[in-house]
Amino acid sequence: ISIEQLLGDQLEKTLEYNETIGNYLLICP
C-alpha cells in the first residue's frame, strides 16, 4: 500500500477495504 493510502482519511478507507477481503497485513512498499 503506497504511503499516500496509509495517511489521514485514506488509511481508514484502506483498512476498510482490506478488512472486507480478509487481509490483515499491510506493507509500505
mmCIF file of all heavy atoms, coordinates in Angstrom:
data_MODEL
# 
_entry.id   MODEL 
# 
loop_
_atom_site.group_PDB 
_atom_site.id 
_atom_site.type_symbol 
_atom_site.label_atom_id 
_atom_site.label_alt_id 
_atom_site.label_comp_id 
_atom_site.label_asym_id 
_atom_site.label_entity_id 
_atom_site.label_seq_id 
_atom_site.pdbx_PDB_ins_code 
_atom_site.Cartn_x 
_atom_site.Cartn_y 
_atom_site.Cartn_z 
_atom_site.occupancy 
_atom_site.B_iso_or_equiv 
_atom_site.pdbx_formal_charge 
_atom_site.auth_seq_id 
_atom_site.auth_comp_id 
_atom_site.auth_asym_id 
_atom_site.auth_atom_id 
_atom_site.pdbx_PDB_model_num 
ATOM 1   N N   . ILE A 1 1  ? 0.851   -1.187  0.000  1.00 0.00 ? 1  ILE A N   1 
ATOM 2   C CA  . ILE A 1 1  ? 0.000   0.000   0.000  1.00 0.00 ? 1  ILE A CA  1 
ATOM 3   C C   . ILE A 1 1  ? 0.888   1.238   0.000  1.00 0.00 ? 1  ILE A C   1 
ATOM 4   O O   . ILE A 1 1  ? 1.749   1.386   0.875  1.00 0.00 ? 1  ILE A O   1 
ATOM 5   C CB  . ILE A 1 1  ? -0.918  0.030   1.243  1.00 0.00 ? 1  ILE A CB  1 
ATOM 6   C CG1 . ILE A 1 1  ? -1.683  -1.295  1.407  1.00 0.00 ? 1  ILE A CG1 1 
ATOM 7   C CG2 . ILE A 1 1  ? -1.869  1.218   1.168  1.00 0.00 ? 1  ILE A CG2 1 
ATOM 8   C CD1 . ILE A 1 1  ? -2.737  -1.561  0.383  1.00 0.00 ? 1  ILE A CD1 1 
ATOM 9   N N   . SER A 1 2  ? 0.699   2.123   -0.950 1.00 0.00 ? 2  SER A N   1 
ATOM 10  C CA  . SER A 1 2  ? 1.538   3.323   -1.037 1.00 0.00 ? 2  SER A CA  1 
ATOM 11  C C   . SER A 1 2  ? 1.354   4.186   0.210  1.00 0.00 ? 2  SER A C   1 
ATOM 12  O O   . SER A 1 2  ? 0.304   4.162   0.857  1.00 0.00 ? 2  SER A O   1 
ATOM 13  C CB  . SER A 1 2  ? 1.192   4.129   -2.285 1.00 0.00 ? 2  SER A CB  1 
ATOM 14  O OG  . SER A 1 2  ? -0.099  4.698   -2.167 1.00 0.00 ? 2  SER A OG  1 
ATOM 15  N N   . ILE A 1 3  ? 2.375   4.955   0.520  1.00 0.00 ? 3  ILE A N   1 
ATOM 16  C CA  . ILE A 1 3  ? 2.335   5.796   1.718  1.00 0.00 ? 3  ILE A CA  1 
ATOM 17  C C   . ILE A 1 3  ? 1.147   6.755   1.691  1.00 0.00 ? 3  ILE A C   1 
ATOM 18  O O   . ILE A 1 3  ? 0.542   7.046   2.728  1.00 0.00 ? 3  ILE A O   1 
ATOM 19  C CB  . ILE A 1 3  ? 3.673   6.565   1.890  1.00 0.00 ? 3  ILE A CB  1 
ATOM 20  C CG1 . ILE A 1 3  ? 3.774   7.190   3.284  1.00 0.00 ? 3  ILE A CG1 1 
ATOM 21  C CG2 . ILE A 1 3  ? 3.864   7.592   0.792  1.00 0.00 ? 3  ILE A CG2 1 
ATOM 22  C CD1 . ILE A 1 3  ? 4.002   6.224   4.395  1.00 0.00 ? 3  ILE A CD1 1 
ATOM 23  N N   . GLU A 1 4  ? 0.769   7.226   0.490  1.00 0.00 ? 4  GLU A N   1 
ATOM 24  C CA  . GLU A 1 4  ? -0.361  8.151   0.378  1.00 0.00 ? 4  GLU A CA  1 
ATOM 25  C C   . GLU A 1 4  ? -1.663  7.516   0.855  1.00 0.00 ? 4  GLU A C   1 
ATOM 26  O O   . GLU A 1 4  ? -2.525  8.198   1.414  1.00 0.00 ? 4  GLU A O   1 
ATOM 27  C CB  . GLU A 1 4  ? -0.518  8.621   -1.074 1.00 0.00 ? 4  GLU A CB  1 
ATOM 28  C CG  . GLU A 1 4  ? 0.608   9.489   -1.593 1.00 0.00 ? 4  GLU A CG  1 
ATOM 29  C CD  . GLU A 1 4  ? 1.830   8.683   -2.029 1.00 0.00 ? 4  GLU A CD  1 
ATOM 30  O OE1 . GLU A 1 4  ? 1.726   7.432   -2.103 1.00 0.00 ? 4  GLU A OE1 1 
ATOM 31  O OE2 . GLU A 1 4  ? 2.883   9.299   -2.289 1.00 0.00 ? 4  GLU A OE2 1 
ATOM 32  N N   . GLN A 1 5  ? -1.792  6.212   0.646  1.00 0.00 ? 5  GLN A N   1 
ATOM 33  C CA  . GLN A 1 5  ? -3.007  5.500   1.046  1.00 0.00 ? 5  GLN A CA  1 
ATOM 34  C C   . GLN A 1 5  ? -2.958  5.022   2.498  1.00 0.00 ? 5  GLN A C   1 
ATOM 35  O O   . GLN A 1 5  ? -3.890  4.386   2.975  1.00 0.00 ? 5  GLN A O   1 
ATOM 36  C CB  . GLN A 1 5  ? -3.237  4.307   0.120  1.00 0.00 ? 5  GLN A CB  1 
ATOM 37  C CG  . GLN A 1 5  ? -3.582  4.704   -1.305 1.00 0.00 ? 5  GLN A CG  1 
ATOM 38  C CD  . GLN A 1 5  ? -3.687  3.488   -2.208 1.00 0.00 ? 5  GLN A CD  1 
ATOM 39  O OE1 . GLN A 1 5  ? -2.719  2.765   -2.450 1.00 0.00 ? 5  GLN A OE1 1 
ATOM 40  N NE2 . GLN A 1 5  ? -4.884  3.249   -2.694 1.00 0.00 ? 5  GLN A NE2 1 
ATOM 41  N N   . LEU A 1 6  ? -1.862  5.362   3.180  1.00 0.00 ? 6  LEU A N   1 
ATOM 42  C CA  . LEU A 1 6  ? -1.703  4.981   4.579  1.00 0.00 ? 6  LEU A CA  1 
ATOM 43  C C   . LEU A 1 6  ? -1.790  6.183   5.517  1.00 0.00 ? 6  LEU A C   1 
ATOM 44  O O   . LEU A 1 6  ? -1.581  6.051   6.717  1.00 0.00 ? 6  LEU A O   1 
ATOM 45  C CB  . LEU A 1 6  ? -0.355  4.278   4.771  1.00 0.00 ? 6  LEU A CB  1 
ATOM 46  C CG  . LEU A 1 6  ? -0.197  2.916   4.087  1.00 0.00 ? 6  LEU A CG  1 
ATOM 47  C CD1 . LEU A 1 6  ? 1.269   2.483   4.101  1.00 0.00 ? 6  LEU A CD1 1 
ATOM 48  C CD2 . LEU A 1 6  ? -1.073  1.860   4.739  1.00 0.00 ? 6  LEU A CD2 1 
ATOM 49  N N   . LEU A 1 7  ? -2.105  7.329   4.952  1.00 0.00 ? 7  LEU A N   1 
ATOM 50  C CA  . LEU A 1 7  ? -2.148  8.558   5.736  1.00 0.00 ? 7  LEU A CA  1 
ATOM 51  C C   . LEU A 1 7  ? -3.551  9.159   5.774  1.00 0.00 ? 7  LEU A C   1 
ATOM 52  O O   . LEU A 1 7  ? -4.319  9.038   4.815  1.00 0.00 ? 7  LEU A O   1 
ATOM 53  C CB  . LEU A 1 7  ? -1.180  9.596   5.151  1.00 0.00 ? 7  LEU A CB  1 
ATOM 54  C CG  . LEU A 1 7  ? 0.309   9.204   5.126  1.00 0.00 ? 7  LEU A CG  1 
ATOM 55  C CD1 . LEU A 1 7  ? 1.115   10.250  4.369  1.00 0.00 ? 7  LEU A CD1 1 
ATOM 56  C CD2 . LEU A 1 7  ? 0.845   9.025   6.537  1.00 0.00 ? 7  LEU A CD2 1 
ATOM 57  N N   . GLY A 1 8  ? -3.877  9.807   6.894  1.00 0.00 ? 8  GLY A N   1 
ATOM 58  C CA  . GLY A 1 8  ? -5.128  10.550  7.009  1.00 0.00 ? 8  GLY A CA  1 
ATOM 59  C C   . GLY A 1 8  ? -6.372  9.715   6.755  1.00 0.00 ? 8  GLY A C   1 
ATOM 60  O O   . GLY A 1 8  ? -6.460  8.541   7.160  1.00 0.00 ? 8  GLY A O   1 
ATOM 61  N N   . ASP A 1 9  ? -7.325  10.304  6.042  1.00 0.00 ? 9  ASP A N   1 
ATOM 62  C CA  . ASP A 1 9  ? -8.589  9.628   5.755  1.00 0.00 ? 9  ASP A CA  1 
ATOM 63  C C   . ASP A 1 9  ? -8.391  8.421   4.849  1.00 0.00 ? 9  ASP A C   1 
ATOM 64  O O   . ASP A 1 9  ? -9.209  7.490   4.869  1.00 0.00 ? 9  ASP A O   1 
ATOM 65  C CB  . ASP A 1 9  ? -9.570  10.606  5.107  1.00 0.00 ? 9  ASP A CB  1 
ATOM 66  C CG  . ASP A 1 9  ? -9.991  11.723  6.055  1.00 0.00 ? 9  ASP A CG  1 
ATOM 67  O OD1 . ASP A 1 9  ? -9.856  11.528  7.281  1.00 0.00 ? 9  ASP A OD1 1 
ATOM 68  O OD2 . ASP A 1 9  ? -10.447 12.787  5.579  1.00 0.00 ? 9  ASP A OD2 1 
ATOM 69  N N   . GLN A 1 10 ? -7.318  8.445   4.042  1.00 0.00 ? 10 GLN A N   1 
ATOM 70  C CA  . GLN A 1 10 ? -7.080  7.326   3.131  1.00 0.00 ? 10 GLN A CA  1 
ATOM 71  C C   . GLN A 1 10 ? -6.793  6.039   3.896  1.00 0.00 ? 10 GLN A C   1 
ATOM 72  O O   . GLN A 1 10 ? -7.143  4.946   3.440  1.00 0.00 ? 10 GLN A O   1 
ATOM 73  C CB  . GLN A 1 10 ? -5.917  7.650   2.195  1.00 0.00 ? 10 GLN A CB  1 
ATOM 74  C CG  . GLN A 1 10 ? -6.240  8.676   1.136  1.00 0.00 ? 10 GLN A CG  1 
ATOM 75  C CD  . GLN A 1 10 ? -7.363  8.222   0.212  1.00 0.00 ? 10 GLN A CD  1 
ATOM 76  O OE1 . GLN A 1 10 ? -7.350  7.092   -0.295 1.00 0.00 ? 10 GLN A OE1 1 
ATOM 77  N NE2 . GLN A 1 10 ? -8.337  9.083   0.009  1.00 0.00 ? 10 GLN A NE2 1 
ATOM 78  N N   . LEU A 1 11 ? -6.162  6.152   5.054  1.00 0.00 ? 11 LEU A N   1 
ATOM 79  C CA  . LEU A 1 11 ? -5.854  4.954   5.829  1.00 0.00 ? 11 LEU A CA  1 
ATOM 80  C C   . LEU A 1 11 ? -7.128  4.254   6.279  1.00 0.00 ? 11 LEU A C   1 
ATOM 81  O O   . LEU A 1 11 ? -7.221  3.023   6.243  1.00 0.00 ? 11 LEU A O   1 
ATOM 82  C CB  . LEU A 1 11 ? -4.990  5.312   7.042  1.00 0.00 ? 11 LEU A CB  1 
ATOM 83  C CG  . LEU A 1 11 ? -4.625  4.141   7.977  1.00 0.00 ? 11 LEU A CG  1 
ATOM 84  C CD1 . LEU A 1 11 ? -3.972  3.007   7.213  1.00 0.00 ? 11 LEU A CD1 1 
ATOM 85  C CD2 . LEU A 1 11 ? -3.707  4.630   9.098  1.00 0.00 ? 11 LEU A CD2 1 
ATOM 86  N N   . GLU A 1 12 ? -8.118  5.020   6.675  1.00 0.00 ? 12 GLU A N   1 
ATOM 87  C CA  . GLU A 1 12 ? -9.396  4.425   7.093  1.00 0.00 ? 12 GLU A CA  1 
ATOM 88  C C   . GLU A 1 12 ? -10.024 3.645   5.944  1.00 0.00 ? 12 GLU A C   1 
ATOM 89  O O   . GLU A 1 12 ? -10.536 2.532   6.139  1.00 0.00 ? 12 GLU A O   1 
ATOM 90  C CB  . GLU A 1 12 ? -10.349 5.524   7.566  1.00 0.00 ? 12 GLU A CB  1 
ATOM 91  C CG  . GLU A 1 12 ? -11.657 4.987   8.127  1.00 0.00 ? 12 GLU A CG  1 
ATOM 92  C CD  . GLU A 1 12 ? -12.567 6.081   8.665  1.00 0.00 ? 12 GLU A CD  1 
ATOM 93  O OE1 . GLU A 1 12 ? -12.063 7.204   8.907  1.00 0.00 ? 12 GLU A OE1 1 
ATOM 94  O OE2 . GLU A 1 12 ? -13.764 5.816   8.854  1.00 0.00 ? 12 GLU A OE2 1 
ATOM 95  N N   . LYS A 1 13 ? -9.969  4.212   4.735  1.00 0.00 ? 13 LYS A N   1 
ATOM 96  C CA  . LYS A 1 13 ? -10.526 3.523   3.564  1.00 0.00 ? 13 LYS A CA  1 
ATOM 97  C C   . LYS A 1 13 ? -9.712  2.272   3.243  1.00 0.00 ? 13 LYS A C   1 
ATOM 98  O O   . LYS A 1 13 ? -10.270 1.230   2.875  1.00 0.00 ? 13 LYS A O   1 
ATOM 99  C CB  . LYS A 1 13 ? -10.529 4.468   2.359  1.00 0.00 ? 13 LYS A CB  1 
ATOM 100 C CG  . LYS A 1 13 ? -11.461 5.656   2.504  1.00 0.00 ? 13 LYS A CG  1 
ATOM 101 C CD  . LYS A 1 13 ? -11.359 6.585   1.296  1.00 0.00 ? 13 LYS A CD  1 
ATOM 102 C CE  . LYS A 1 13 ? -12.263 7.804   1.465  1.00 0.00 ? 13 LYS A CE  1 
ATOM 103 N NZ  . LYS A 1 13 ? -12.125 8.757   0.318  1.00 0.00 ? 13 LYS A NZ  1 
ATOM 104 N N   . THR A 1 14 ? -8.400  2.369   3.397  1.00 0.00 ? 14 THR A N   1 
ATOM 105 C CA  . THR A 1 14 ? -7.530  1.223   3.157  1.00 0.00 ? 14 THR A CA  1 
ATOM 106 C C   . THR A 1 14 ? -7.833  0.090   4.125  1.00 0.00 ? 14 THR A C   1 
ATOM 107 O O   . THR A 1 14 ? -7.924  -1.087  3.725  1.00 0.00 ? 14 THR A O   1 
ATOM 108 C CB  . THR A 1 14 ? -6.049  1.644   3.299  1.00 0.00 ? 14 THR A CB  1 
ATOM 109 O OG1 . THR A 1 14 ? -5.731  2.581   2.260  1.00 0.00 ? 14 THR A OG1 1 
ATOM 110 C CG2 . THR A 1 14 ? -5.120  0.453   3.197  1.00 0.00 ? 14 THR A CG2 1 
ATOM 111 N N   . LEU A 1 15 ? -7.995  0.429   5.393  1.00 0.00 ? 15 LEU A N   1 
ATOM 112 C CA  . LEU A 1 15 ? -8.307  -0.586  6.395  1.00 0.00 ? 15 LEU A CA  1 
ATOM 113 C C   . LEU A 1 15 ? -9.658  -1.241  6.110  1.00 0.00 ? 15 LEU A C   1 
ATOM 114 O O   . LEU A 1 15 ? -9.807  -2.467  6.225  1.00 0.00 ? 15 LEU A O   1 
ATOM 115 C CB  . LEU A 1 15 ? -8.317  0.044   7.796  1.00 0.00 ? 15 LEU A CB  1 
ATOM 116 C CG  . LEU A 1 15 ? -6.965  0.545   8.325  1.00 0.00 ? 15 LEU A CG  1 
ATOM 117 C CD1 . LEU A 1 15 ? -7.151  1.290   9.633  1.00 0.00 ? 15 LEU A CD1 1 
ATOM 118 C CD2 . LEU A 1 15 ? -5.982  -0.605  8.497  1.00 0.00 ? 15 LEU A CD2 1 
ATOM 119 N N   . GLU A 1 16 ? -10.618 -0.449  5.717  1.00 0.00 ? 16 GLU A N   1 
ATOM 120 C CA  . GLU A 1 16 ? -11.960 -0.973  5.435  1.00 0.00 ? 16 GLU A CA  1 
ATOM 121 C C   . GLU A 1 16 ? -11.929 -1.954  4.270  1.00 0.00 ? 16 GLU A C   1 
ATOM 122 O O   . GLU A 1 16 ? -12.527 -3.039  4.337  1.00 0.00 ? 16 GLU A O   1 
ATOM 123 C CB  . GLU A 1 16 ? -12.907 0.189   5.123  1.00 0.00 ? 16 GLU A CB  1 
ATOM 124 C CG  . GLU A 1 16 ? -14.340 -0.246  4.861  1.00 0.00 ? 16 GLU A CG  1 
ATOM 125 C CD  . GLU A 1 16 ? -15.258 0.932   4.558  1.00 0.00 ? 16 GLU A CD  1 
ATOM 126 O OE1 . GLU A 1 16 ? -14.833 2.095   4.737  1.00 0.00 ? 16 GLU A OE1 1 
ATOM 127 O OE2 . GLU A 1 16 ? -16.403 0.677   4.130  1.00 0.00 ? 16 GLU A OE2 1 
ATOM 128 N N   . TYR A 1 17 ? -11.233 -1.582  3.200  1.00 0.00 ? 17 TYR A N   1 
ATOM 129 C CA  . TYR A 1 17 ? -11.159 -2.455  2.023  1.00 0.00 ? 17 TYR A CA  1 
ATOM 130 C C   . TYR A 1 17 ? -10.481 -3.772  2.370  1.00 0.00 ? 17 TYR A C   1 
ATOM 131 O O   . TYR A 1 17 ? -10.982 -4.858  2.048  1.00 0.00 ? 17 TYR A O   1 
ATOM 132 C CB  . TYR A 1 17 ? -10.392 -1.751  0.902  1.00 0.00 ? 17 TYR A CB  1 
ATOM 133 C CG  . TYR A 1 17 ? -10.368 -2.530  -0.406 1.00 0.00 ? 17 TYR A CG  1 
ATOM 134 C CD1 . TYR A 1 17 ? -11.237 -2.205  -1.437 1.00 0.00 ? 17 TYR A CD1 1 
ATOM 135 C CD2 . TYR A 1 17 ? -9.478  -3.587  -0.605 1.00 0.00 ? 17 TYR A CD2 1 
ATOM 136 C CE1 . TYR A 1 17 ? -11.223 -2.912  -2.637 1.00 0.00 ? 17 TYR A CE1 1 
ATOM 137 C CE2 . TYR A 1 17 ? -9.456  -4.309  -1.786 1.00 0.00 ? 17 TYR A CE2 1 
ATOM 138 C CZ  . TYR A 1 17 ? -10.328 -3.959  -2.800 1.00 0.00 ? 17 TYR A CZ  1 
ATOM 139 O OH  . TYR A 1 17 ? -10.313 -4.678  -3.981 1.00 0.00 ? 17 TYR A OH  1 
ATOM 140 N N   . ASN A 1 18 ? -9.330  -3.684  3.041  1.00 0.00 ? 18 ASN A N   1 
ATOM 141 C CA  . ASN A 1 18 ? -8.574  -4.890  3.350  1.00 0.00 ? 18 ASN A CA  1 
ATOM 142 C C   . ASN A 1 18 ? -9.280  -5.778  4.369  1.00 0.00 ? 18 ASN A C   1 
ATOM 143 O O   . ASN A 1 18 ? -9.172  -7.005  4.303  1.00 0.00 ? 18 ASN A O   1 
ATOM 144 C CB  . ASN A 1 18 ? -7.171  -4.518  3.821  1.00 0.00 ? 18 ASN A CB  1 
ATOM 145 C CG  . ASN A 1 18 ? -6.265  -4.153  2.666  1.00 0.00 ? 18 ASN A CG  1 
ATOM 146 O OD1 . ASN A 1 18 ? -5.638  -5.018  2.048  1.00 0.00 ? 18 ASN A OD1 1 
ATOM 147 N ND2 . ASN A 1 18 ? -6.200  -2.874  2.343  1.00 0.00 ? 18 ASN A ND2 1 
ATOM 148 N N   . GLU A 1 19 ? -10.000 -5.174  5.279  1.00 0.00 ? 19 GLU A N   1 
ATOM 149 C CA  . GLU A 1 19 ? -10.783 -5.980  6.222  1.00 0.00 ? 19 GLU A CA  1 
ATOM 150 C C   . GLU A 1 19 ? -11.859 -6.760  5.475  1.00 0.00 ? 19 GLU A C   1 
ATOM 151 O O   . GLU A 1 19 ? -12.120 -7.928  5.790  1.00 0.00 ? 19 GLU A O   1 
ATOM 152 C CB  . GLU A 1 19 ? -11.416 -5.088  7.282  1.00 0.00 ? 19 GLU A CB  1 
ATOM 153 C CG  . GLU A 1 19 ? -12.142 -5.881  8.360  1.00 0.00 ? 19 GLU A CG  1 
ATOM 154 C CD  . GLU A 1 19 ? -12.578 -5.010  9.518  1.00 0.00 ? 19 GLU A CD  1 
ATOM 155 O OE1 . GLU A 1 19 ? -12.845 -3.804  9.299  1.00 0.00 ? 19 GLU A OE1 1 
ATOM 156 O OE2 . GLU A 1 19 ? -12.655 -5.534  10.643 1.00 0.00 ? 19 GLU A OE2 1 
ATOM 157 N N   . THR A 1 20 ? -12.476 -6.155  4.484  1.00 0.00 ? 20 THR A N   1 
ATOM 158 C CA  . THR A 1 20 ? -13.515 -6.821  3.702  1.00 0.00 ? 20 THR A CA  1 
ATOM 159 C C   . THR A 1 20 ? -12.974 -8.047  2.978  1.00 0.00 ? 20 THR A C   1 
ATOM 160 O O   . THR A 1 20 ? -13.627 -9.093  2.941  1.00 0.00 ? 20 THR A O   1 
ATOM 161 C CB  . THR A 1 20 ? -14.141 -5.851  2.686  1.00 0.00 ? 20 THR A CB  1 
ATOM 162 O OG1 . THR A 1 20 ? -14.734 -4.758  3.385  1.00 0.00 ? 20 THR A OG1 1 
ATOM 163 C CG2 . THR A 1 20 ? -15.213 -6.554  1.841  1.00 0.00 ? 20 THR A CG2 1 
ATOM 164 N N   . ILE A 1 21 ? -11.761 -7.936  2.409  1.00 0.00 ? 21 ILE A N   1 
ATOM 165 C CA  . ILE A 1 21 ? -11.212 -9.083  1.680  1.00 0.00 ? 21 ILE A CA  1 
ATOM 166 C C   . ILE A 1 21 ? -10.495 -10.069 2.609  1.00 0.00 ? 21 ILE A C   1 
ATOM 167 O O   . ILE A 1 21 ? -10.059 -11.136 2.166  1.00 0.00 ? 21 ILE A O   1 
ATOM 168 C CB  . ILE A 1 21 ? -10.255 -8.640  0.557  1.00 0.00 ? 21 ILE A CB  1 
ATOM 169 C CG1 . ILE A 1 21 ? -8.976  -8.004  1.122  1.00 0.00 ? 21 ILE A CG1 1 
ATOM 170 C CG2 . ILE A 1 21 ? -10.953 -7.713  -0.421 1.00 0.00 ? 21 ILE A CG2 1 
ATOM 171 C CD1 . ILE A 1 21 ? -7.897  -7.757  0.074  1.00 0.00 ? 21 ILE A CD1 1 
ATOM 172 N N   . GLY A 1 22 ? -10.376 -9.696  3.893  1.00 0.00 ? 22 GLY A N   1 
ATOM 173 C CA  . GLY A 1 22 ? -9.744  -10.598 4.855  1.00 0.00 ? 22 GLY A CA  1 
ATOM 174 C C   . GLY A 1 22 ? -8.238  -10.521 4.898  1.00 0.00 ? 22 GLY A C   1 
ATOM 175 O O   . GLY A 1 22 ? -7.577  -11.472 5.339  1.00 0.00 ? 22 GLY A O   1 
ATOM 176 N N   . ASN A 1 23 ? -7.691  -9.389  4.457  1.00 0.00 ? 23 ASN A N   1 
ATOM 177 C CA  . ASN A 1 23 ? -6.237  -9.204  4.506  1.00 0.00 ? 23 ASN A CA  1 
ATOM 178 C C   . ASN A 1 23 ? -5.880  -8.303  5.682  1.00 0.00 ? 23 ASN A C   1 
ATOM 179 O O   . ASN A 1 23 ? -6.318  -7.157  5.741  1.00 0.00 ? 23 ASN A O   1 
ATOM 180 C CB  . ASN A 1 23 ? -5.719  -8.567  3.215  1.00 0.00 ? 23 ASN A CB  1 
ATOM 181 C CG  . ASN A 1 23 ? -4.235  -8.235  3.319  1.00 0.00 ? 23 ASN A CG  1 
ATOM 182 O OD1 . ASN A 1 23 ? -3.420  -9.113  3.623  1.00 0.00 ? 23 ASN A OD1 1 
ATOM 183 N ND2 . ASN A 1 23 ? -3.890  -6.983  3.101  1.00 0.00 ? 23 ASN A ND2 1 
ATOM 184 N N   . TYR A 1 24 ? -5.038  -8.816  6.582  1.00 0.00 ? 24 TYR A N   1 
ATOM 185 C CA  . TYR A 1 24 ? -4.687  -8.057  7.789  1.00 0.00 ? 24 TYR A CA  1 
ATOM 186 C C   . TYR A 1 24 ? -3.193  -7.756  7.871  1.00 0.00 ? 24 TYR A C   1 
ATOM 187 O O   . TYR A 1 24 ? -2.698  -7.437  8.938  1.00 0.00 ? 24 TYR A O   1 
ATOM 188 C CB  . TYR A 1 24 ? -5.158  -8.829  9.023  1.00 0.00 ? 24 TYR A CB  1 
ATOM 189 C CG  . TYR A 1 24 ? -6.666  -8.834  9.124  1.00 0.00 ? 24 TYR A CG  1 
ATOM 190 C CD1 . TYR A 1 24 ? -7.415  -9.864  8.542  1.00 0.00 ? 24 TYR A CD1 1 
ATOM 191 C CD2 . TYR A 1 24 ? -7.347  -7.790  9.749  1.00 0.00 ? 24 TYR A CD2 1 
ATOM 192 C CE1 . TYR A 1 24 ? -8.803  -9.858  8.600  1.00 0.00 ? 24 TYR A CE1 1 
ATOM 193 C CE2 . TYR A 1 24 ? -8.740  -7.778  9.812  1.00 0.00 ? 24 TYR A CE2 1 
ATOM 194 C CZ  . TYR A 1 24 ? -9.459  -8.808  9.236  1.00 0.00 ? 24 TYR A CZ  1 
ATOM 195 O OH  . TYR A 1 24 ? -10.832 -8.787  9.290  1.00 0.00 ? 24 TYR A OH  1 
ATOM 196 N N   . LEU A 1 25 ? -2.502  -7.838  6.737  1.00 0.00 ? 25 LEU A N   1 
ATOM 197 C CA  . LEU A 1 25 ? -1.097  -7.456  6.672  1.00 0.00 ? 25 LEU A CA  1 
ATOM 198 C C   . LEU A 1 25 ? -0.927  -6.359  5.626  1.00 0.00 ? 25 LEU A C   1 
ATOM 199 O O   . LEU A 1 25 ? -1.095  -6.596  4.432  1.00 0.00 ? 25 LEU A O   1 
ATOM 200 C CB  . LEU A 1 25 ? -0.224  -8.663  6.303  1.00 0.00 ? 25 LEU A CB  1 
ATOM 201 C CG  . LEU A 1 25 ? 1.263   -8.385  6.045  1.00 0.00 ? 25 LEU A CG  1 
ATOM 202 C CD1 . LEU A 1 25 ? 1.922   -7.737  7.257  1.00 0.00 ? 25 LEU A CD1 1 
ATOM 203 C CD2 . LEU A 1 25 ? 1.992   -9.666  5.639  1.00 0.00 ? 25 LEU A CD2 1 
ATOM 204 N N   . LEU A 1 26 ? -0.616  -5.149  6.096  1.00 0.00 ? 26 LEU A N   1 
ATOM 205 C CA  . LEU A 1 26 ? -0.400  -4.013  5.213  1.00 0.00 ? 26 LEU A CA  1 
ATOM 206 C C   . LEU A 1 26 ? 1.081   -3.676  5.187  1.00 0.00 ? 26 LEU A C   1 
ATOM 207 O O   . LEU A 1 26 ? 1.727   -3.621  6.238  1.00 0.00 ? 26 LEU A O   1 
ATOM 208 C CB  . LEU A 1 26 ? -1.200  -2.792  5.694  1.00 0.00 ? 26 LEU A CB  1 
ATOM 209 C CG  . LEU A 1 26 ? -2.713  -2.970  5.843  1.00 0.00 ? 26 LEU A CG  1 
ATOM 210 C CD1 . LEU A 1 26 ? -3.353  -1.646  6.244  1.00 0.00 ? 26 LEU A CD1 1 
ATOM 211 C CD2 . LEU A 1 26 ? -3.342  -3.500  4.556  1.00 0.00 ? 26 LEU A CD2 1 
ATOM 212 N N   . ILE A 1 27 ? 1.603   -3.452  3.993  1.00 0.00 ? 27 ILE A N   1 
ATOM 213 C CA  . ILE A 1 27 ? 3.041   -3.243  3.829  1.00 0.00 ? 27 ILE A CA  1 
ATOM 214 C C   . ILE A 1 27 ? 3.290   -1.984  3.011  1.00 0.00 ? 27 ILE A C   1 
ATOM 215 O O   . ILE A 1 27 ? 2.763   -1.843  1.901  1.00 0.00 ? 27 ILE A O   1 
ATOM 216 C CB  . ILE A 1 27 ? 3.684   -4.449  3.109  1.00 0.00 ? 27 ILE A CB  1 
ATOM 217 C CG1 . ILE A 1 27 ? 3.408   -5.750  3.883  1.00 0.00 ? 27 ILE A CG1 1 
ATOM 218 C CG2 . ILE A 1 27 ? 5.185   -4.240  2.944  1.00 0.00 ? 27 ILE A CG2 1 
ATOM 219 C CD1 . ILE A 1 27 ? 3.522   -6.997  3.056  1.00 0.00 ? 27 ILE A CD1 1 
ATOM 220 N N   . CYS A 1 28 ? 4.089   -1.081  3.568  1.00 0.00 ? 28 CYS A N   1 
ATOM 221 C CA  . CYS A 1 28 ? 4.541   0.080   2.800  1.00 0.00 ? 28 CYS A CA  1 
ATOM 222 C C   . CYS A 1 28 ? 5.655   -0.398  1.882  1.00 0.00 ? 28 CYS A C   1 
ATOM 223 O O   . CYS A 1 28 ? 6.694   -0.858  2.369  1.00 0.00 ? 28 CYS A O   1 
ATOM 224 C CB  . CYS A 1 28 ? 5.033   1.180   3.731  1.00 0.00 ? 28 CYS A CB  1 
ATOM 225 S SG  . CYS A 1 28 ? 5.645   2.648   2.856  1.00 0.00 ? 28 CYS A SG  1 
ATOM 226 N N   . PRO A 1 29 ? 5.494   -0.304  0.568  1.00 0.00 ? 29 PRO A N   1 
ATOM 227 C CA  . PRO A 1 29 ? 6.469   -0.895  -0.356 1.00 0.00 ? 29 PRO A CA  1 
ATOM 228 C C   . PRO A 1 29 ? 7.747   -0.098  -0.521 1.00 0.00 ? 29 PRO A C   1 
ATOM 229 O O   . PRO A 1 29 ? 8.767   -0.639  -0.941 1.00 0.00 ? 29 PRO A O   1 
ATOM 230 C CB  . PRO A 1 29 ? 5.702   -0.958  -1.676 1.00 0.00 ? 29 PRO A CB  1 
ATOM 231 C CG  . PRO A 1 29 ? 4.718   0.161   -1.587 1.00 0.00 ? 29 PRO A CG  1 
ATOM 232 C CD  . PRO A 1 29 ? 4.324   0.245   -0.136 1.00 0.00 ? 29 PRO A CD  1 
# 
